[in-house]
């Protein structure tokens, strides 16, 4: 690995907060860029672009997890409502069953 690529890798991780699991995959690209010998401004823009791409991916993952957590919480709430409804329905059906088994005898007058 060239010293320039190592420096860029260090800057990505230390200054821009790019995780090593992501930056290690960038070594071939950083090597190619170092071989082209970009100016300091170009190098800075490249590193900022890579960092922005990394952070946007991280944000998407965080948003997805948060959204899944909210959806599961809402699902659990709906299941609790359904459980309560089924309990009420069960009591009602039990009362109907008792009335069918033991009907009250009423005299019919004509």
Protein backbone atom coordinates (compact mmCIF):
# COMPACT_ATOMS: atom_id res chain seq x y z
CA UNK A 1 0.00 0.00 0.00
CA UNK A 2 1.36 3.39 -0.94
CA UNK A 3 2.00 6.02 1.76
CA UNK A 4 -0.55 8.32 0.12
CA UNK A 5 -3.27 5.64 0.21
CA UNK A 6 -2.41 4.91 3.86
CA UNK A 7 -2.71 8.61 4.69
CA UNK A 8 -6.07 8.87 2.95
CA UNK A 9 -7.28 5.78 4.77
CA UNK A 10 -6.21 7.29 8.09
CA UNK A 11 -7.90 10.62 7.27
CA UNK A 12 -11.14 8.83 6.30
CA UNK A 13 -11.23 6.92 9.58
CA UNK A 14 -9.92 9.58 11.98
CA UNK A 15 -11.28 12.82 10.56
CA UNK A 16 -14.45 11.76 8.77
CA UNK A 17 -15.48 8.86 11.01
CA UNK A 18 -15.56 6.22 8.29
CA UNK A 19 -15.57 2.79 9.86
CA UNK A 20 -12.70 0.39 9.18
CA UNK A 21 -15.14 -2.24 7.87
CA UNK A 22 -15.98 0.18 5.04
CA UNK A 23 -12.63 1.83 4.47
CA UNK A 24 -10.74 -1.46 4.12
CA UNK A 25 -12.76 -2.18 0.97
CA UNK A 26 -11.63 1.14 -0.48
CA UNK A 27 -7.93 0.26 -0.60
CA UNK A 28 -7.87 -0.64 -4.33
CA UNK A 29 -9.69 2.59 -5.19
CA UNK A 30 -7.42 4.67 -2.96
CA UNK A 31 -4.37 3.05 -4.54
CA UNK A 32 -5.60 4.02 -8.01
CA UNK A 33 -6.33 7.56 -6.89
CA UNK A 34 -2.93 7.89 -5.24
CA UNK A 35 -1.29 6.75 -8.48
CA UNK A 36 -3.02 9.62 -10.30
CA UNK A 37 -1.49 12.09 -7.82
CA UNK A 38 -4.43 14.49 -7.41
CA UNK A 39 -3.93 17.93 -5.93
CA UNK A 40 -4.64 18.54 -2.24
CA UNK A 41 -8.01 20.12 -3.11
CA UNK A 42 -9.02 17.21 -5.32
CA UNK A 43 -7.94 14.72 -2.66
CA UNK A 44 -9.98 16.58 -0.05
CA UNK A 45 -13.08 16.56 -2.28
CA UNK A 46 -12.66 12.84 -2.96
CA UNK A 47 -12.38 12.06 0.75
CA UNK A 48 -15.40 14.23 1.55
CA UNK A 49 -17.40 12.44 -1.15
CA UNK A 50 -16.44 9.01 0.17
CA UNK A 51 -17.27 10.08 3.72
CA UNK A 52 -20.63 11.48 2.62
CA UNK A 53 -21.46 8.22 0.86
CA UNK A 54 -20.54 6.24 3.98
CA UNK A 55 -22.58 8.47 6.28
CA UNK A 56 -25.62 8.36 4.00
CA UNK A 57 -25.51 4.56 4.04
CA UNK A 58 -25.20 4.57 7.82
CA UNK A 59 -28.19 6.91 8.09
CA UNK A 60 -30.27 4.65 5.83
CA UNK A 61 -29.48 1.64 8.00
CA UNK A 62 -30.35 3.55 11.17
CA UNK A 63 -33.59 4.83 9.65
CA UNK A 64 -34.54 1.32 8.54
CA UNK A 65 -33.96 -0.11 12.01
CA UNK A 66 -35.92 2.72 13.63
CA UNK A 67 -38.78 2.29 11.16
CA UNK A 68 -38.87 -1.47 11.77
CA UNK A 69 -38.93 -0.86 15.53
CA UNK A 70 -41.88 1.55 15.18
CA UNK A 71 -43.77 -0.87 12.93
CA UNK A 72 -43.23 -3.77 15.33
CA UNK A 73 -44.39 -1.64 18.26
CA UNK A 74 -47.55 -0.73 16.37
CA UNK A 75 -48.08 -4.38 15.42
CA UNK A 76 -47.79 -5.44 19.07
CA UNK A 77 -50.31 -2.76 20.04
CA UNK A 78 -52.76 -4.04 17.43
CA UNK A 79 -52.26 -7.61 18.64
CA UNK A 80 -53.08 -6.53 22.20
CA UNK A 81 -56.27 -4.87 20.96
CA UNK A 82 -57.17 -8.03 19.06
CA UNK A 83 -56.52 -10.11 22.18
CA UNK A 84 -58.85 -7.92 24.25
CA UNK A 85 -61.52 -8.12 21.56
CA UNK A 86 -61.26 -11.90 21.44
CA UNK A 87 -61.61 -12.09 25.22
CA UNK A 88 -64.82 -10.03 25.10
CA UNK A 89 -66.14 -12.17 22.25
CA UNK A 90 -65.30 -15.33 24.20
CA UNK A 91 -67.29 -14.16 27.22
CA UNK A 92 -70.22 -13.22 25.00
CA UNK A 93 -70.22 -16.61 23.25
CA UNK A 94 -70.02 -18.40 26.59
CA UNK A 95 -73.17 -16.57 27.71
CA UNK A 96 -74.93 -17.49 24.47
CA UNK A 97 -73.90 -21.11 24.94
CA UNK A 98 -75.32 -21.14 28.48
CA UNK A 99 -78.62 -19.72 27.27
CA UNK A 100 -78.85 -22.34 24.54
CA UNK A 101 -78.18 -25.18 27.00
CA UNK A 102 -80.61 -23.90 29.62
CA UNK A 103 -83.29 -21.86 27.94
CA UNK A 104 -85.73 -20.12 30.20
CA UNK A 105 -89.15 -21.68 29.88
CA UNK A 106 -91.78 -19.17 29.13
CA UNK A 107 -95.40 -19.91 28.77
CA UNK A 108 -96.95 -18.82 25.61
CA UNK A 109 -100.46 -17.45 25.89
CA UNK A 110 -102.62 -17.37 22.83
